[in-house]
Amino acid sequence: MSLATSVQETRTESLPEGIESPTAKLVYLALDANGTATVDELRNTLDLQKLVLFETLGTLESKGLVAADGRYYLTT
């Protein structure tokens, strides 16, 4: 098994169930890796529009997977 395959399997296994969209997976993994992030930090890191991020973060938050702490978001 290659290192890339091992890393990919580890990351996939660490994703909670219920995250289906590729964008939501990307945002969740970025938050999980960084601990916390603002929308602007996520926008710069992931090169996504703010509107997409707010919608995605709202969906993740409604599922109880992400929490907002002031202006920072973090995985729960």
N, C-alpha and C. Protein backbone atom coordinates (compact mmCIF):
# COMPACT_ATOMS: atom_id res chain seq x y z
N MET A 1 0.86 -1.17 0.00
CA MET A 1 0.00 0.00 0.00
C MET A 1 0.90 1.23 0.00
N SER A 2 0.61 2.19 -0.87
CA SER A 2 1.41 3.40 -0.95
C SER A 2 1.04 4.36 0.17
N LEU A 3 1.93 5.30 0.42
CA LEU A 3 1.69 6.31 1.45
C LEU A 3 0.47 7.14 1.11
N ALA A 4 0.30 7.50 -0.16
CA ALA A 4 -0.85 8.30 -0.58
C ALA A 4 -2.16 7.56 -0.31
N THR A 5 -2.18 6.28 -0.59
CA THR A 5 -3.38 5.48 -0.33
C THR A 5 -3.66 5.41 1.15
N SER A 6 -2.62 5.24 1.96
CA SER A 6 -2.77 5.18 3.40
C SER A 6 -3.32 6.49 3.96
N VAL A 7 -2.78 7.61 3.50
CA VAL A 7 -3.26 8.92 3.96
C VAL A 7 -4.70 9.13 3.54
N GLN A 8 -5.04 8.79 2.31
CA GLN A 8 -6.40 8.95 1.82
C GLN A 8 -7.36 8.10 2.64
N GLU A 9 -7.01 6.87 2.93
CA GLU A 9 -7.88 6.00 3.72
C GLU A 9 -8.04 6.54 5.13
N THR A 10 -6.97 7.06 5.72
CA THR A 10 -7.05 7.62 7.06
C THR A 10 -7.97 8.82 7.08
N ARG A 11 -7.85 9.70 6.13
CA ARG A 11 -8.69 10.89 6.07
C ARG A 11 -10.15 10.52 5.84
N THR A 12 -10.40 9.59 4.95
CA THR A 12 -11.77 9.18 4.67
C THR A 12 -12.40 8.56 5.91
N GLU A 13 -11.63 7.77 6.64
CA GLU A 13 -12.15 7.15 7.85
C GLU A 13 -12.41 8.17 8.94
N SER A 14 -11.71 9.31 8.94
CA SER A 14 -11.90 10.31 9.97
C SER A 14 -13.07 11.24 9.70
N LEU A 15 -13.67 11.13 8.53
CA LEU A 15 -14.83 11.95 8.22
C LEU A 15 -16.07 11.38 8.90
N PRO A 16 -16.83 12.23 9.58
CA PRO A 16 -18.08 11.74 10.16
C PRO A 16 -19.08 11.36 9.07
N GLU A 17 -19.95 10.45 9.40
CA GLU A 17 -21.00 10.08 8.46
C GLU A 17 -21.92 11.29 8.26
N GLY A 18 -22.52 11.37 7.11
CA GLY A 18 -23.46 12.45 6.84
C GLY A 18 -22.88 13.59 6.03
N ILE A 19 -21.57 13.59 5.83
CA ILE A 19 -20.97 14.62 4.98
C ILE A 19 -20.88 14.03 3.58
N GLU A 20 -21.71 14.54 2.69
CA GLU A 20 -21.78 13.95 1.35
C GLU A 20 -21.12 14.81 0.28
N SER A 21 -21.26 16.11 0.36
CA SER A 21 -20.75 16.96 -0.71
C SER A 21 -19.23 17.08 -0.62
N PRO A 22 -18.56 17.11 -1.76
CA PRO A 22 -17.11 17.28 -1.77
C PRO A 22 -16.67 18.58 -1.10
N THR A 23 -17.45 19.64 -1.26
CA THR A 23 -17.11 20.92 -0.64
C THR A 23 -17.20 20.81 0.87
N ALA A 24 -18.24 20.17 1.38
CA ALA A 24 -18.38 20.00 2.82
C ALA A 24 -17.24 19.15 3.39
N LYS A 25 -16.84 18.12 2.66
CA LYS A 25 -15.72 17.29 3.09
C LYS A 25 -14.45 18.12 3.16
N LEU A 26 -14.22 18.93 2.15
CA LEU A 26 -13.04 19.78 2.09
C LEU A 26 -13.01 20.77 3.25
N VAL A 27 -14.13 21.43 3.51
CA VAL A 27 -14.22 22.41 4.59
C VAL A 27 -14.02 21.72 5.94
N TYR A 28 -14.68 20.59 6.14
CA TYR A 28 -14.55 19.86 7.40
C TYR A 28 -13.10 19.45 7.64
N LEU A 29 -12.45 18.88 6.63
CA LEU A 29 -11.06 18.44 6.79
C LEU A 29 -10.12 19.62 7.05
N ALA A 30 -10.36 20.75 6.41
CA ALA A 30 -9.54 21.93 6.65
C ALA A 30 -9.69 22.40 8.09
N LEU A 31 -10.91 22.42 8.60
CA LEU A 31 -11.13 22.81 10.00
C LEU A 31 -10.52 21.79 10.95
N ASP A 32 -10.68 20.53 10.64
CA ASP A 32 -10.15 19.47 11.48
C ASP A 32 -8.62 19.55 11.55
N ALA A 33 -7.99 19.85 10.44
CA ALA A 33 -6.53 19.93 10.39
C ALA A 33 -6.00 21.18 11.09
N ASN A 34 -6.72 22.29 10.99
CA ASN A 34 -6.24 23.56 11.55
C ASN A 34 -6.73 23.83 12.96
N GLY A 35 -7.75 23.15 13.40
CA GLY A 35 -8.31 23.40 14.73
C GLY A 35 -9.43 24.42 14.68
N THR A 36 -9.11 25.64 14.30
CA THR A 36 -10.12 26.68 14.11
C THR A 36 -9.76 27.50 12.88
N ALA A 37 -10.75 28.20 12.34
CA ALA A 37 -10.50 29.09 11.20
C ALA A 37 -11.66 30.06 11.06
N THR A 38 -11.35 31.22 10.55
CA THR A 38 -12.40 32.18 10.20
C THR A 38 -12.84 31.89 8.77
N VAL A 39 -13.93 32.50 8.37
CA VAL A 39 -14.39 32.34 6.99
C VAL A 39 -13.33 32.89 6.03
N ASP A 40 -12.72 34.00 6.37
CA ASP A 40 -11.68 34.56 5.50
C ASP A 40 -10.47 33.63 5.39
N GLU A 41 -10.08 32.99 6.49
CA GLU A 41 -8.97 32.05 6.44
C GLU A 41 -9.32 30.85 5.56
N LEU A 42 -10.54 30.34 5.71
CA LEU A 42 -10.97 29.23 4.87
C LEU A 42 -11.04 29.65 3.41
N ARG A 43 -11.51 30.86 3.15
CA ARG A 43 -11.59 31.37 1.78
C ARG A 43 -10.21 31.41 1.15
N ASN A 44 -9.24 31.90 1.89
CA ASN A 44 -7.87 31.99 1.37
C ASN A 44 -7.24 30.62 1.19
N THR A 45 -7.47 29.73 2.13
CA THR A 45 -6.87 28.40 2.09
C THR A 45 -7.49 27.53 1.00
N LEU A 46 -8.82 27.56 0.91
CA LEU A 46 -9.52 26.65 0.02
C LEU A 46 -9.91 27.28 -1.32
N ASP A 47 -9.74 28.59 -1.43
CA ASP A 47 -10.10 29.31 -2.66
C ASP A 47 -11.58 29.09 -3.01
N LEU A 48 -12.44 29.25 -2.00
CA LEU A 48 -13.88 29.16 -2.20
C LEU A 48 -14.52 30.51 -1.92
N GLN A 49 -15.64 30.77 -2.56
CA GLN A 49 -16.36 32.02 -2.33
C GLN A 49 -16.99 32.02 -0.94
N LYS A 50 -17.10 33.22 -0.36
CA LYS A 50 -17.68 33.34 0.98
C LYS A 50 -19.10 32.78 1.04
N LEU A 51 -19.89 33.03 0.02
CA LEU A 51 -21.26 32.54 0.01
C LEU A 51 -21.29 31.02 0.10
N VAL A 52 -20.42 30.36 -0.63
CA VAL A 52 -20.33 28.89 -0.61
C VAL A 52 -19.90 28.43 0.79
N LEU A 53 -18.92 29.13 1.36
CA LEU A 53 -18.45 28.76 2.70
C LEU A 53 -19.53 28.92 3.75
N PHE A 54 -20.25 30.05 3.73
CA PHE A 54 -21.31 30.26 4.72
C PHE A 54 -22.39 29.20 4.59
N GLU A 55 -22.76 28.85 3.38
CA GLU A 55 -23.78 27.82 3.17
C GLU A 55 -23.28 26.46 3.66
N THR A 56 -22.05 26.14 3.32
CA THR A 56 -21.47 24.86 3.73
C THR A 56 -21.30 24.78 5.24
N LEU A 57 -20.78 25.84 5.84
CA LEU A 57 -20.61 25.86 7.29
C LEU A 57 -21.96 25.78 8.01
N GLY A 58 -22.97 26.44 7.46
CA GLY A 58 -24.31 26.36 8.04
C GLY A 58 -24.85 24.95 8.01
N THR A 59 -24.63 24.25 6.91
CA THR A 59 -25.07 22.86 6.79
C THR A 59 -24.32 21.97 7.79
N LEU A 60 -23.02 22.13 7.88
CA LEU A 60 -22.23 21.35 8.82
C LEU A 60 -22.63 21.66 10.26
N GLU A 61 -22.92 22.92 10.53
CA GLU A 61 -23.33 23.32 11.88
C GLU A 61 -24.69 22.73 12.23
N SER A 62 -25.61 22.72 11.27
CA SER A 62 -26.94 22.16 11.53
C SER A 62 -26.89 20.65 11.79
N LYS A 63 -25.85 19.99 11.29
CA LYS A 63 -25.67 18.56 11.53
C LYS A 63 -24.87 18.29 12.80
N GLY A 64 -24.45 19.37 13.48
CA GLY A 64 -23.70 19.22 14.72
C GLY A 64 -22.25 18.84 14.53
N LEU A 65 -21.71 19.07 13.34
CA LEU A 65 -20.34 18.68 13.04
C LEU A 65 -19.35 19.83 13.17
N VAL A 66 -19.87 21.04 13.14
CA VAL A 66 -19.06 22.25 13.22
C VAL A 66 -19.77 23.22 14.16
N ALA A 67 -18.98 23.96 14.91
CA ALA A 67 -19.55 24.97 15.81
C ALA A 67 -18.90 26.31 15.51
N ALA A 68 -19.66 27.37 15.76
CA ALA A 68 -19.14 28.73 15.61
C ALA A 68 -18.82 29.26 17.00
N ASP A 69 -17.61 29.79 17.15
CA ASP A 69 -17.17 30.37 18.41
C ASP A 69 -16.77 31.82 18.12
N GLY A 70 -17.75 32.70 18.14
CA GLY A 70 -17.49 34.07 17.73
C GLY A 70 -17.30 34.10 16.23
N ARG A 71 -16.15 34.54 15.79
CA ARG A 71 -15.89 34.58 14.35
C ARG A 71 -15.13 33.35 13.86
N TYR A 72 -14.79 32.44 14.77
CA TYR A 72 -14.06 31.22 14.41
C TYR A 72 -14.99 30.03 14.32
N TYR A 73 -14.66 29.12 13.42
CA TYR A 73 -15.37 27.86 13.28
C TYR A 73 -14.43 26.75 13.69
N LEU A 74 -14.99 25.68 14.26
CA LEU A 74 -14.20 24.53 14.67
C LEU A 74 -15.04 23.26 14.56
N THR A 75 -14.36 22.13 14.43
CA THR A 75 -15.10 20.87 14.37
C THR A 75 -15.48 20.49 15.80
N THR A 76 -16.59 19.75 15.91
CA THR A 76 -17.06 19.34 17.23
C THR A 76 -16.74 17.90 17.50
